[in-house]
Amino acid sequence: MEPKYISATSARKSCGIKVPRGTKAKQVVMQFLLDNEPEFVILYTKHGNPKPHEFDRADSLVIARAGAINESREAKNSSERTGA
């Protein structure tokens, strides 16, 4: 199977995450997932900040979800083209 690469910005767009100008994308993604995904739980440092690896987990979840969304769109489009 050949991998299909997705950029971070297009993955966020596919998931419906809008990053306002001047804000850090990682913070916006983390807050979006905390607000919308009840099973996404993160660990915090003793100062109350998310641990650094938690941002990587959030990014990987967005990329995976965007890949699933894109694959389902492609499958839907190909089935419409073939008339199935």
N, C-alpha and C. Protein backbone atom coordinates (compact mmCIF):
# COMPACT_ATOMS: atom_id res chain seq x y z
N MET A 1 0.85 -1.17 0.00
CA MET A 1 0.00 0.00 0.00
C MET A 1 0.90 1.24 0.00
N GLU A 2 0.57 2.16 -0.83
CA GLU A 2 1.37 3.39 -0.94
C GLU A 2 0.81 4.46 -0.01
N PRO A 3 1.67 5.12 0.78
CA PRO A 3 1.16 6.16 1.69
C PRO A 3 0.71 7.40 0.93
N LYS A 4 -0.28 8.06 1.49
CA LYS A 4 -0.73 9.35 0.96
C LYS A 4 -0.40 10.39 2.03
N TYR A 5 0.38 11.37 1.64
CA TYR A 5 0.83 12.37 2.60
C TYR A 5 -0.17 13.50 2.70
N ILE A 6 -0.40 13.95 3.93
CA ILE A 6 -1.33 15.02 4.21
C ILE A 6 -0.58 16.10 4.97
N SER A 7 -0.67 17.34 4.52
CA SER A 7 -0.02 18.42 5.25
C SER A 7 -0.85 18.74 6.49
N ALA A 8 -0.21 19.33 7.46
CA ALA A 8 -0.88 19.64 8.73
C ALA A 8 -2.02 20.63 8.52
N THR A 9 -1.82 21.61 7.67
CA THR A 9 -2.87 22.61 7.46
C THR A 9 -4.09 22.01 6.78
N SER A 10 -3.88 21.14 5.79
CA SER A 10 -5.03 20.53 5.13
C SER A 10 -5.70 19.51 6.05
N ALA A 11 -4.95 18.86 6.92
CA ALA A 11 -5.55 17.93 7.88
C ALA A 11 -6.44 18.68 8.86
N ARG A 12 -5.96 19.82 9.34
CA ARG A 12 -6.78 20.62 10.25
C ARG A 12 -8.03 21.11 9.55
N LYS A 13 -7.91 21.51 8.31
CA LYS A 13 -9.07 21.99 7.55
C LYS A 13 -10.09 20.87 7.37
N SER A 14 -9.63 19.66 7.07
CA SER A 14 -10.53 18.52 6.90
C SER A 14 -11.30 18.21 8.18
N CYS A 15 -10.65 18.44 9.32
CA CYS A 15 -11.29 18.16 10.60
C CYS A 15 -12.13 19.32 11.12
N GLY A 16 -12.11 20.43 10.40
CA GLY A 16 -12.92 21.58 10.81
C GLY A 16 -12.27 22.46 11.86
N ILE A 17 -10.94 22.42 11.95
CA ILE A 17 -10.23 23.23 12.93
C ILE A 17 -9.74 24.49 12.24
N LYS A 18 -10.15 25.64 12.76
CA LYS A 18 -9.71 26.92 12.21
C LYS A 18 -8.73 27.56 13.18
N VAL A 19 -7.56 27.92 12.66
CA VAL A 19 -6.52 28.53 13.47
C VAL A 19 -6.53 30.03 13.18
N PRO A 20 -6.91 30.85 14.16
CA PRO A 20 -6.90 32.30 13.94
C PRO A 20 -5.48 32.81 13.72
N ARG A 21 -5.38 33.83 12.94
CA ARG A 21 -4.08 34.41 12.64
C ARG A 21 -3.44 34.91 13.93
N GLY A 22 -2.16 34.62 14.09
CA GLY A 22 -1.42 35.08 15.25
C GLY A 22 -1.45 34.13 16.44
N THR A 23 -2.18 33.02 16.34
CA THR A 23 -2.20 32.05 17.43
C THR A 23 -1.40 30.82 17.02
N LYS A 24 -0.95 30.08 18.01
CA LYS A 24 -0.17 28.87 17.75
C LYS A 24 -1.12 27.73 17.42
N ALA A 25 -0.85 27.06 16.31
CA ALA A 25 -1.74 26.01 15.83
C ALA A 25 -1.82 24.85 16.81
N LYS A 26 -0.71 24.50 17.43
CA LYS A 26 -0.72 23.36 18.35
C LYS A 26 -1.66 23.60 19.53
N GLN A 27 -1.68 24.82 20.03
CA GLN A 27 -2.58 25.15 21.14
C GLN A 27 -4.04 25.06 20.71
N VAL A 28 -4.34 25.54 19.50
CA VAL A 28 -5.71 25.51 18.99
C VAL A 28 -6.16 24.07 18.78
N VAL A 29 -5.29 23.24 18.22
CA VAL A 29 -5.63 21.83 17.99
C VAL A 29 -5.88 21.13 19.32
N MET A 30 -5.02 21.39 20.30
CA MET A 30 -5.18 20.76 21.61
C MET A 30 -6.51 21.15 22.24
N GLN A 31 -6.86 22.42 22.19
CA GLN A 31 -8.11 22.88 22.78
C GLN A 31 -9.31 22.32 22.04
N PHE A 32 -9.23 22.24 20.72
CA PHE A 32 -10.31 21.66 19.92
C PHE A 32 -10.56 20.21 20.33
N LEU A 33 -9.50 19.44 20.46
CA LEU A 33 -9.66 18.03 20.83
C LEU A 33 -10.17 17.87 22.26
N LEU A 34 -9.70 18.70 23.16
CA LEU A 34 -10.19 18.62 24.54
C LEU A 34 -11.67 18.97 24.63
N ASP A 35 -12.11 19.91 23.80
CA ASP A 35 -13.51 20.32 23.82
C ASP A 35 -14.43 19.33 23.12
N ASN A 36 -13.93 18.66 22.08
CA ASN A 36 -14.80 17.84 21.23
C ASN A 36 -14.60 16.34 21.35
N GLU A 37 -13.55 15.90 21.99
CA GLU A 37 -13.28 14.46 22.11
C GLU A 37 -13.22 14.06 23.58
N PRO A 38 -14.28 13.50 24.11
CA PRO A 38 -14.28 13.15 25.53
C PRO A 38 -13.25 12.08 25.90
N GLU A 39 -12.89 11.20 24.96
CA GLU A 39 -11.91 10.16 25.27
C GLU A 39 -10.46 10.62 25.14
N PHE A 40 -10.25 11.84 24.63
CA PHE A 40 -8.89 12.38 24.51
C PHE A 40 -8.53 13.06 25.83
N VAL A 41 -7.67 12.40 26.59
CA VAL A 41 -7.24 12.91 27.89
C VAL A 41 -5.74 13.11 27.85
N ILE A 42 -5.26 14.21 28.43
CA ILE A 42 -3.83 14.51 28.38
C ILE A 42 -3.26 14.61 29.80
N LEU A 43 -1.94 14.50 29.86
CA LEU A 43 -1.23 14.66 31.12
C LEU A 43 -0.65 16.07 31.19
N TYR A 44 -0.60 16.59 32.41
CA TYR A 44 -0.09 17.95 32.61
C TYR A 44 1.18 17.93 33.45
N THR A 45 1.99 18.98 33.30
CA THR A 45 3.17 19.14 34.14
C THR A 45 2.73 19.66 35.50
N LYS A 46 3.66 19.77 36.42
CA LYS A 46 3.30 20.26 37.75
C LYS A 46 2.91 21.73 37.73
N HIS A 47 3.21 22.42 36.63
CA HIS A 47 2.84 23.84 36.51
C HIS A 47 1.51 24.02 35.79
N GLY A 48 0.86 22.92 35.40
CA GLY A 48 -0.45 22.98 34.77
C GLY A 48 -0.44 23.09 33.26
N ASN A 49 0.73 22.93 32.64
CA ASN A 49 0.83 22.96 31.18
C ASN A 49 0.79 21.54 30.63
N PRO A 50 0.29 21.37 29.41
CA PRO A 50 0.32 20.03 28.82
C PRO A 50 1.76 19.56 28.63
N LYS A 51 2.00 18.28 28.88
CA LYS A 51 3.33 17.72 28.64
C LYS A 51 3.63 17.78 27.15
N PRO A 52 4.90 17.97 26.77
CA PRO A 52 5.25 18.17 25.36
C PRO A 52 4.79 17.06 24.41
N HIS A 53 4.82 15.82 24.85
CA HIS A 53 4.41 14.74 23.95
C HIS A 53 2.91 14.73 23.68
N GLU A 54 2.15 15.43 24.48
CA GLU A 54 0.70 15.48 24.27
C GLU A 54 0.34 16.24 22.99
N PHE A 55 1.15 17.23 22.63
CA PHE A 55 0.92 17.96 21.38
C PHE A 55 1.13 17.03 20.19
N ASP A 56 2.11 16.15 20.28
CA ASP A 56 2.35 15.18 19.21
C ASP A 56 1.19 14.20 19.08
N ARG A 57 0.63 13.79 20.22
CA ARG A 57 -0.53 12.91 20.20
C ARG A 57 -1.72 13.59 19.53
N ALA A 58 -1.91 14.87 19.86
CA ALA A 58 -3.02 15.62 19.26
C ALA A 58 -2.83 15.75 17.76
N ASP A 59 -1.61 16.07 17.33
CA ASP A 59 -1.34 16.20 15.90
C ASP A 59 -1.57 14.88 15.17
N SER A 60 -1.14 13.78 15.77
CA SER A 60 -1.29 12.48 15.11
C SER A 60 -2.77 12.09 15.01
N LEU A 61 -3.56 12.45 16.01
CA LEU A 61 -4.99 12.16 15.95
C LEU A 61 -5.66 12.95 14.83
N VAL A 62 -5.28 14.21 14.67
CA VAL A 62 -5.85 15.03 13.60
C VAL A 62 -5.45 14.49 12.23
N ILE A 63 -4.20 14.10 12.07
CA ILE A 63 -3.73 13.55 10.79
C ILE A 63 -4.48 12.25 10.48
N ALA A 64 -4.63 11.38 11.47
CA ALA A 64 -5.32 10.11 11.25
C ALA A 64 -6.78 10.33 10.90
N ARG A 65 -7.42 11.23 11.60
CA ARG A 65 -8.83 11.51 11.33
C ARG A 65 -9.00 12.12 9.94
N ALA A 66 -8.10 13.03 9.56
CA ALA A 66 -8.17 13.64 8.23
C ALA A 66 -7.95 12.59 7.14
N GLY A 67 -7.05 11.64 7.38
CA GLY A 67 -6.84 10.56 6.42
C GLY A 67 -8.08 9.72 6.24
N ALA A 68 -8.75 9.43 7.34
CA ALA A 68 -9.99 8.65 7.26
C ALA A 68 -11.08 9.42 6.52
N ILE A 69 -11.17 10.71 6.78
CA ILE A 69 -12.16 11.55 6.10
C ILE A 69 -11.88 11.59 4.60
N ASN A 70 -10.62 11.79 4.24
CA ASN A 70 -10.25 11.87 2.83
C ASN A 70 -10.50 10.54 2.11
N GLU A 71 -10.20 9.43 2.77
CA GLU A 71 -10.42 8.11 2.16
C GLU A 71 -11.91 7.87 1.94
N SER A 72 -12.75 8.25 2.91
CA SER A 72 -14.18 8.03 2.74
C SER A 72 -14.73 8.92 1.63
N ARG A 73 -14.20 10.14 1.50
CA ARG A 73 -14.63 11.02 0.40
C ARG A 73 -14.23 10.43 -0.95
N GLU A 74 -13.00 9.90 -1.04
CA GLU A 74 -12.55 9.30 -2.30
C GLU A 74 -13.37 8.07 -2.65
N ALA A 75 -13.70 7.27 -1.65
CA ALA A 75 -14.51 6.07 -1.90
C ALA A 75 -15.91 6.46 -2.36
N LYS A 76 -16.46 7.48 -1.76
CA LYS A 76 -17.79 7.95 -2.15
C LYS A 76 -17.78 8.49 -3.58
N ASN A 77 -16.74 9.29 -3.88
CA ASN A 77 -16.64 9.86 -5.23
C ASN A 77 -16.43 8.78 -6.29
N SER A 78 -15.62 7.77 -5.98
CA SER A 78 -15.39 6.71 -6.97
C SER A 78 -16.64 5.87 -7.17
N SER A 79 -17.41 5.66 -6.13
CA SER A 79 -18.65 4.88 -6.29
C SER A 79 -19.69 5.67 -7.06
N GLU A 80 -19.69 6.99 -6.92
CA GLU A 80 -20.62 7.81 -7.69
C GLU A 80 -20.25 7.83 -9.16
N ARG A 81 -18.93 7.82 -9.44
CA ARG A 81 -18.48 7.83 -10.83
C ARG A 81 -18.81 6.53 -11.54
N THR A 82 -18.72 5.41 -10.80
CA THR A 82 -18.98 4.12 -11.43
C THR A 82 -20.48 3.79 -11.46
N GLY A 83 -21.26 4.56 -10.72
CA GLY A 83 -22.71 4.35 -10.73
C GLY A 83 -23.18 3.25 -9.80
N ALA A 84 -22.35 2.89 -8.83
CA ALA A 84 -22.71 1.82 -7.91
C ALA A 84 -23.60 2.32 -6.80
